[in-house]
Protein backbone atom coordinates (compact mmCIF):
# COMPACT_ATOMS: atom_id res chain seq x y z
CA MET A 1 93.29 116.05 112.00
CA LYS A 2 92.80 115.66 108.03
CA LYS A 3 89.43 115.71 106.19
CA TYR A 4 90.56 113.20 103.65
CA TYR A 5 93.51 110.64 103.03
CA THR A 6 94.75 109.70 99.87
CA ALA A 7 95.31 105.95 98.90
CA LYS A 8 99.00 106.32 99.64
CA GLU A 9 98.54 107.87 103.21
CA VAL A 10 96.25 104.83 104.09
CA ALA A 11 98.11 102.40 102.87
CA GLU A 12 100.92 103.69 105.22
CA ILE A 13 98.69 103.95 108.15
CA LEU A 14 97.91 100.53 107.77
CA GLY A 15 101.26 99.04 106.97
CA ILE A 16 100.27 97.57 103.76
CA SER A 17 101.22 98.78 99.98
CA ARG A 18 99.15 100.81 97.88
CA GLN A 19 98.84 98.12 95.51
CA THR A 20 97.44 95.85 98.04
CA LEU A 21 94.88 98.28 99.15
CA LEU A 22 93.65 98.52 95.66
CA ARG A 23 93.53 94.65 95.19
CA TYR A 24 91.54 94.32 98.31
CA GLU A 25 89.18 97.12 96.97
CA LYS A 26 88.85 95.39 93.61
CA LYS A 27 88.11 91.85 95.29
CA GLY A 28 85.35 93.53 97.40
CA ILE A 29 87.29 92.86 101.08
CA PHE A 30 87.52 96.97 101.41
CA PRO A 31 84.40 99.02 100.70
CA LYS A 32 85.06 101.30 97.62
CA PRO A 33 85.86 104.93 99.11
CA ARG A 34 84.30 108.21 97.60
CA ARG A 35 86.19 109.99 94.65
CA ASN A 36 87.00 113.30 94.26
CA LEU A 37 84.49 114.90 91.75
CA ILE A 38 87.37 116.95 90.18
CA ASN A 39 90.45 114.49 89.84
CA HIS A 40 88.68 111.03 90.61
CA TRP A 41 91.06 110.33 93.16
CA ARG A 42 90.27 107.98 95.95
CA GLU A 43 89.32 110.17 99.25
CA TYR A 44 89.34 108.04 102.50
CA THR A 45 87.80 109.60 105.62
CA ASN A 46 88.70 108.89 109.23
CA ALA A 47 85.50 106.58 109.36
CA ASP A 48 86.95 104.53 106.18
CA LEU A 49 90.07 104.22 107.88
CA GLU A 50 88.65 102.78 111.17
CA LYS A 51 86.65 100.40 109.17
CA LEU A 52 89.78 99.53 107.06
CA LYS A 53 91.63 98.73 110.50
CA LYS A 54 88.87 96.70 111.76
CA ILE A 55 88.87 94.65 108.57
CA LEU A 56 92.66 93.76 109.06
CA GLY A 57 92.25 93.26 112.63
CA ARG A 58 94.03 96.34 113.90
CA ARG A 59 93.21 99.07 116.29
């Protein structure tokens, strides 16, 4: 099991586009994920993934 997922990986798991994921974050529908300290990329944990699935009404 991975420790962190990228925005692209999370979008694929959720069945939405990366743009939609980022748009939902910008609008406040999704909580902001932590950022990598080196490259500032979004990093999603398994807990984050479960929260996003709940928000979308998916299991």
